[in-house]
PDB file of all heavy atoms in Angstrom:
ATOM      1  N   ALA A   1     115.719 113.618  96.753  1.00  0.00           N
ATOM      2  CA  ALA A   1     114.540 114.039  95.895  1.00  0.00           C
ATOM      3  C   ALA A   1     114.879 113.489  94.419  1.00  0.00           C
ATOM      4  O   ALA A   1     115.582 114.214  93.718  1.00  0.00           O
ATOM      5  CB  ALA A   1     114.404 115.541  95.931  1.00  0.00           C
ATOM      6  N   GLY A   2     114.318 112.374  94.113  1.00  0.00           N
ATOM      7  CA  GLY A   2     114.580 111.825  92.800  1.00  0.00           C
ATOM      8  C   GLY A   2     113.953 112.540  91.586  1.00  0.00           C
ATOM      9  O   GLY A   2     114.551 112.495  90.535  1.00  0.00           O
ATOM     10  N   ALA A   3     112.800 113.115  91.790  1.00  0.00           N
ATOM     11  CA  ALA A   3     112.120 113.680  90.625  1.00  0.00           C
ATOM     12  C   ALA A   3     111.026 114.628  91.157  1.00  0.00           C
ATOM     13  O   ALA A   3     110.525 114.456  92.320  1.00  0.00           O
ATOM     14  CB  ALA A   3     111.494 112.572  89.761  1.00  0.00           C
ATOM     15  N   VAL A   4     110.577 115.560  90.260  1.00  0.00           N
ATOM     16  CA  VAL A   4     109.470 116.470  90.569  1.00  0.00           C
ATOM     17  C   VAL A   4     108.527 116.410  89.362  1.00  0.00           C
ATOM     18  O   VAL A   4     108.953 116.341  88.243  1.00  0.00           O
ATOM     19  CB  VAL A   4     109.925 117.852  90.851  1.00  0.00           C
ATOM     20  CG1 VAL A   4     110.709 118.511  89.747  1.00  0.00           C
ATOM     21  CG2 VAL A   4     108.701 118.759  91.248  1.00  0.00           C
ATOM     22  N   MET A   5     107.218 116.280  89.598  1.00  0.00           N
ATOM     23  CA  MET A   5     106.176 116.251  88.613  1.00  0.00           C
ATOM     24  C   MET A   5     105.155 117.352  88.904  1.00  0.00           C
ATOM     25  O   MET A   5     104.927 117.684  90.023  1.00  0.00           O
ATOM     26  CB  MET A   5     105.543 114.894  88.514  1.00  0.00           C
ATOM     27  CG  MET A   5     106.439 113.763  87.988  1.00  0.00           C
ATOM     28  SD  MET A   5     105.719 112.158  88.389  1.00  0.00           S
ATOM     29  CE  MET A   5     106.147 111.917  90.147  1.00  0.00           C
ATOM     30  N   LEU A   6     104.505 117.856  87.829  1.00  0.00           N
ATOM     31  CA  LEU A   6     103.511 118.916  87.899  1.00  0.00           C
ATOM     32  C   LEU A   6     102.140 118.404  87.980  1.00  0.00           C
ATOM     33  O   LEU A   6     101.834 117.367  87.301  1.00  0.00           O
ATOM     34  CB  LEU A   6     103.655 119.831  86.706  1.00  0.00           C
ATOM     35  CG  LEU A   6     105.068 120.465  86.386  1.00  0.00           C
ATOM     36  CD1 LEU A   6     104.941 121.277  85.109  1.00  0.00           C
ATOM     37  CD2 LEU A   6     105.630 121.234  87.542  1.00  0.00           C
ATOM     38  N   CYS A   7     101.260 118.950  88.838  1.00  0.00           N
ATOM     39  CA  CYS A   7      99.900 118.587  88.820  1.00  0.00           C
ATOM     40  C   CYS A   7      99.110 119.691  88.224  1.00  0.00           C
ATOM     41  O   CYS A   7      99.502 120.873  88.156  1.00  0.00           O
ATOM     42  CB  CYS A   7      99.429 118.352  90.257  1.00  0.00           C
ATOM     43  SG  CYS A   7     100.126 116.890  91.062  1.00  0.00           S
ATOM     44  N   GLY A   8      97.847 119.380  87.753  1.00  0.00           N
ATOM     45  CA  GLY A   8      97.039 120.329  87.076  1.00  0.00           C
ATOM     46  C   GLY A   8      96.623 121.551  87.854  1.00  0.00           C
ATOM     47  O   GLY A   8      96.348 122.591  87.290  1.00  0.00           O
ATOM     48  N   ASP A   9      96.633 121.382  89.178  1.00  0.00           N
ATOM     49  CA  ASP A   9      96.201 122.540  89.973  1.00  0.00           C
ATOM     50  C   ASP A   9      97.460 123.232  90.572  1.00  0.00           C
ATOM     51  O   ASP A   9      97.362 124.046  91.517  1.00  0.00           O
ATOM     52  CB  ASP A   9      95.356 122.094  91.227  1.00  0.00           C
ATOM     53  CG  ASP A   9      96.083 121.084  92.068  1.00  0.00           C
ATOM     54  OD1 ASP A   9      97.303 120.725  91.747  1.00  0.00           O
ATOM     55  OD2 ASP A   9      95.601 120.709  93.169  1.00  0.00           O
ATOM     56  N   GLU A  10      98.591 123.078  89.898  1.00  0.00           N
ATOM     57  CA  GLU A  10      99.881 123.729  90.228  1.00  0.00           C
ATOM     58  C   GLU A  10     100.507 123.076  91.524  1.00  0.00           C
ATOM     59  O   GLU A  10     101.542 123.666  92.000  1.00  0.00           O
ATOM     60  CB  GLU A  10      99.767 125.246  90.445  1.00  0.00           C
ATOM     61  CG  GLU A  10      99.302 125.934  89.081  1.00  0.00           C
ATOM     62  CD  GLU A  10      99.481 127.466  89.141  1.00  0.00           C
ATOM     63  OE1 GLU A  10     100.035 127.943  90.099  1.00  0.00           O
ATOM     64  OE2 GLU A  10      98.968 128.112  88.248  1.00  0.00           O
ATOM     65  N   ALA A  11      99.944 122.086  92.010  1.00  0.00           N
ATOM     66  CA  ALA A  11     100.602 121.294  93.044  1.00  0.00           C
ATOM     67  C   ALA A  11     101.699 120.498  92.432  1.00  0.00           C
ATOM     68  O   ALA A  11     101.885 120.400  91.177  1.00  0.00           O
ATOM     69  CB  ALA A  11      99.608 120.375  93.782  1.00  0.00           C
ATOM     70  N   LEU A  12     102.523 119.897  93.251  1.00  0.00           N
ATOM     71  CA  LEU A  12     103.731 119.097  92.815  1.00  0.00           C
ATOM     72  C   LEU A  12     103.633 117.721  93.389  1.00  0.00           C
ATOM     73  O   LEU A  12     103.174 117.497  94.517  1.00  0.00           O
ATOM     74  CB  LEU A  12     104.986 119.721  93.201  1.00  0.00           C
ATOM     75  CG  LEU A  12     105.282 121.146  92.732  1.00  0.00           C
ATOM     76  CD1 LEU A  12     106.610 121.636  93.381  1.00  0.00           C
ATOM     77  CD2 LEU A  12     105.338 121.267  91.300  1.00  0.00           C
ATOM     78  N   ILE A  13     104.164 116.775  92.698  1.00  0.00           N
ATOM     79  CA  ILE A  13     104.513 115.476  93.270  1.00  0.00           C
ATOM     80  C   ILE A  13     106.030 115.380  93.229  1.00  0.00           C
ATOM     81  O   ILE A  13     106.661 115.454  92.224  1.00  0.00           O
ATOM     82  CB  ILE A  13     103.885 114.292  92.492  1.00  0.00           C
ATOM     83  CG1 ILE A  13     102.332 114.368  92.496  1.00  0.00           C
ATOM     84  CG2 ILE A  13     104.333 112.964  92.988  1.00  0.00           C
ATOM     85  CD1 ILE A  13     101.651 113.355  91.613  1.00  0.00           C
ATOM     86  N   VAL A  14     106.609 115.024  94.404  1.00  0.00           N
ATOM     87  CA  VAL A  14     108.037 114.900  94.536  1.00  0.00           C
ATOM     88  C   VAL A  14     108.274 113.489  94.977  1.00  0.00           C
ATOM     89  O   VAL A  14     107.735 112.930  95.953  1.00  0.00           O
ATOM     90  CB  VAL A  14     108.585 115.908  95.516  1.00  0.00           C
ATOM     91  CG1 VAL A  14     110.163 115.743  95.598  1.00  0.00           C
ATOM     92  CG2 VAL A  14     108.253 117.318  95.105  1.00  0.00           C
ATOM     93  N   ALA A  15     109.185 112.805  94.310  1.00  0.00           N
ATOM     94  CA  ALA A  15     109.657 111.454  94.692  1.00  0.00           C
ATOM     95  C   ALA A  15     110.796 111.597  95.711  1.00  0.00           C
ATOM     96  O   ALA A  15     111.831 112.175  95.329  1.00  0.00           O
ATOM     97  CB  ALA A  15     110.123 110.696  93.440  1.00  0.00           C
ATOM     98  N   VAL A  16     110.553 111.152  96.924  1.00  0.00           N
ATOM     99  CA  VAL A  16     111.543 111.282  98.007  1.00  0.00           C
ATOM    100  C   VAL A  16     111.904 109.875  98.519  1.00  0.00           C
ATOM    101  O   VAL A  16     111.026 109.200  99.047  1.00  0.00           O
ATOM    102  CB  VAL A  16     111.000 112.162  99.123  1.00  0.00           C
ATOM    103  CG1 VAL A  16     112.068 112.405 100.219  1.00  0.00           C
ATOM    104  CG2 VAL A  16     110.637 113.556  98.654  1.00  0.00           C
ATOM    105  N   ASP A  17     113.122 109.499  98.311  1.00  0.00           N
ATOM    106  CA  ASP A  17     113.504 108.114  98.742  1.00  0.00           C
ATOM    107  C   ASP A  17     112.634 107.039  98.030  1.00  0.00           C
ATOM    108  O   ASP A  17     112.644 106.912  96.908  1.00  0.00           O
ATOM    109  CB  ASP A  17     113.603 107.995 100.239  1.00  0.00           C
ATOM    110  CG  ASP A  17     114.683 108.886 100.883  1.00  0.00           C
ATOM    111  OD1 ASP A  17     115.690 109.226 100.187  1.00  0.00           O
ATOM    112  OD2 ASP A  17     114.513 109.322 102.043  1.00  0.00           O
ATOM    113  N   HIS A  18     111.758 106.476  98.889  1.00  0.00           N
ATOM    114  CA  HIS A  18     110.904 105.374  98.424  1.00  0.00           C
ATOM    115  C   HIS A  18     109.452 105.848  98.311  1.00  0.00           C
ATOM    116  O   HIS A  18     108.595 105.006  97.998  1.00  0.00           O
ATOM    117  CB  HIS A  18     110.860 104.185  99.359  1.00  0.00           C
ATOM    118  CG  HIS A  18     112.269 103.534  99.499  1.00  0.00           C
ATOM    119  ND1 HIS A  18     113.194 103.953 100.440  1.00  0.00           N
ATOM    120  CD2 HIS A  18     112.836 102.545  98.848  1.00  0.00           C
ATOM    121  CE1 HIS A  18     114.262 103.258 100.289  1.00  0.00           C
ATOM    122  NE2 HIS A  18     114.047 102.326  99.382  1.00  0.00           N
ATOM    123  N   ASP A  19     109.156 107.111  98.459  1.00  0.00           N
ATOM    124  CA  ASP A  19     107.781 107.614  98.512  1.00  0.00           C
ATOM    125  C   ASP A  19     107.538 108.664  97.487  1.00  0.00           C
ATOM    126  O   ASP A  19     108.387 109.452  97.099  1.00  0.00           O
ATOM    127  CB  ASP A  19     107.391 108.137  99.903  1.00  0.00           C
ATOM    128  CG  ASP A  19     107.484 107.076 101.007  1.00  0.00           C
ATOM    129  OD1 ASP A  19     107.122 105.931 100.671  1.00  0.00           O
ATOM    130  OD2 ASP A  19     107.908 107.406 102.111  1.00  0.00           O
ATOM    131  N   LEU A  20     106.240 108.756  97.015  1.00  0.00           N
ATOM    132  CA  LEU A  20     105.711 109.839  96.217  1.00  0.00           C
ATOM    133  C   LEU A  20     104.878 110.725  97.145  1.00  0.00           C
ATOM    134  O   LEU A  20     104.005 110.306  97.846  1.00  0.00           O
ATOM    135  CB  LEU A  20     104.867 109.352  95.095  1.00  0.00           C
ATOM    136  CG  LEU A  20     105.514 108.398  94.073  1.00  0.00           C
ATOM    137  CD1 LEU A  20     104.451 108.019  93.036  1.00  0.00           C
ATOM    138  CD2 LEU A  20     106.668 109.118  93.376  1.00  0.00           C
ATOM    139  N   ARG A  21     105.294 112.048  97.142  1.00  0.00           N
ATOM    140  CA  ARG A  21     104.605 112.994  98.076  1.00  0.00           C
ATOM    141  C   ARG A  21     103.917 114.092  97.300  1.00  0.00           C
ATOM    142  O   ARG A  21     104.556 114.674  96.320  1.00  0.00           O
ATOM    143  CB  ARG A  21     105.601 113.577  99.036  1.00  0.00           C
ATOM    144  CG  ARG A  21     106.232 112.503  99.904  1.00  0.00           C
ATOM    145  CD  ARG A  21     107.217 113.140 100.897  1.00  0.00           C
ATOM    146  NE  ARG A  21     107.911 112.090 101.663  1.00  0.00           N
ATOM    147  CZ  ARG A  21     108.909 112.312 102.417  1.00  0.00           C
ATOM    148  NH1 ARG A  21     109.363 113.629 102.659  1.00  0.00           N
ATOM    149  NH2 ARG A  21     109.531 111.347 103.122  1.00  0.00           N
ATOM    150  N   LEU A  22     102.723 114.361  97.655  1.00  0.00           N
ATOM    151  CA  LEU A  22     101.920 115.482  97.048  1.00  0.00           C
ATOM    152  C   LEU A  22     102.199 116.716  97.851  1.00  0.00           C
ATOM    153  O   LEU A  22     101.990 116.759  99.075  1.00  0.00           O
ATOM    154  CB  LEU A  22     100.395 115.191  97.023  1.00  0.00           C
ATOM    155  CG  LEU A  22      99.531 116.204  96.434  1.00  0.00           C
ATOM    156  CD1 LEU A  22      99.791 116.404  94.954  1.00  0.00           C
ATOM    157  CD2 LEU A  22      98.036 115.875  96.667  1.00  0.00           C
ATOM    158  N   ILE A  23     102.652 117.782  97.188  1.00  0.00           N
ATOM    159  CA  ILE A  23     102.913 119.056  97.904  1.00  0.00           C
ATOM    160  C   ILE A  23     102.047 120.108  97.235  1.00  0.00           C
ATOM    161  O   ILE A  23     102.093 120.388  96.044  1.00  0.00           O
ATOM    162  CB  ILE A  23     104.425 119.430  97.711  1.00  0.00           C
ATOM    163  CG1 ILE A  23     105.321 118.396  98.384  1.00  0.00           C
ATOM    164  CG2 ILE A  23     104.668 120.830  98.254  1.00  0.00           C
ATOM    165  CD1 ILE A  23     106.756 118.645  98.163  1.00  0.00           C
ATOM    166  N   ASP A  24     101.174 120.645  98.072  1.00  0.00           N
ATOM    167  CA  ASP A  24     100.155 121.618  97.589  1.00  0.00           C
ATOM    168  C   ASP A  24     100.275 122.882  98.416  1.00  0.00           C
ATOM    169  O   ASP A  24      99.791 122.972  99.456  1.00  0.00           O
ATOM    170  CB  ASP A  24      98.753 120.976  97.709  1.00  0.00           C
ATOM    171  CG  ASP A  24      97.727 121.811  96.942  1.00  0.00           C
ATOM    172  OD1 ASP A  24      98.059 122.875  96.384  1.00  0.00           O
ATOM    173  OD2 ASP A  24      96.602 121.377  96.797  1.00  0.00           O
ATOM    174  N   GLY A  25     100.950 123.822  97.876  1.00  0.00           N
ATOM    175  CA  GLY A  25     101.141 125.099  98.616  1.00  0.00           C
ATOM    176  C   GLY A  25     101.919 124.922  99.863  1.00  0.00           C
ATOM    177  O   GLY A  25     102.915 124.247  99.941  1.00  0.00           O
ATOM    178  N   ASP A  26     101.397 125.512 100.912  1.00  0.00           N
ATOM    179  CA  ASP A  26     102.101 125.389 102.257  1.00  0.00           C
ATOM    180  C   ASP A  26     101.557 124.263 103.121  1.00  0.00           C
ATOM    181  O   ASP A  26     101.990 124.134 104.226  1.00  0.00           O
ATOM    182  CB  ASP A  26     101.860 126.722 102.999  1.00  0.00           C
ATOM    183  CG  ASP A  26     102.516 127.922 102.325  1.00  0.00           C
ATOM    184  OD1 ASP A  26     103.553 127.706 101.719  1.00  0.00           O
ATOM    185  OD2 ASP A  26     102.029 129.047 102.428  1.00  0.00           O
ATOM    186  N   ALA A  27     100.608 123.492 102.519  1.00  0.00           N
ATOM    187  CA  ALA A  27     100.114 122.396 103.258  1.00  0.00           C
ATOM    188  C   ALA A  27     101.211 121.324 103.528  1.00  0.00           C
ATOM    189  O   ALA A  27     102.230 121.241 102.832  1.00  0.00           O
ATOM    190  CB  ALA A  27      99.016 121.673 102.495  1.00  0.00           C
TER     191      ALA A  27
END
């Protein structure tokens, strides 16, 4: 997990290996 970023709706973007992943709650 290279980095974590905040989204305006309190979701997160996490950089994992070569990908950017949107994490929104339990989805």
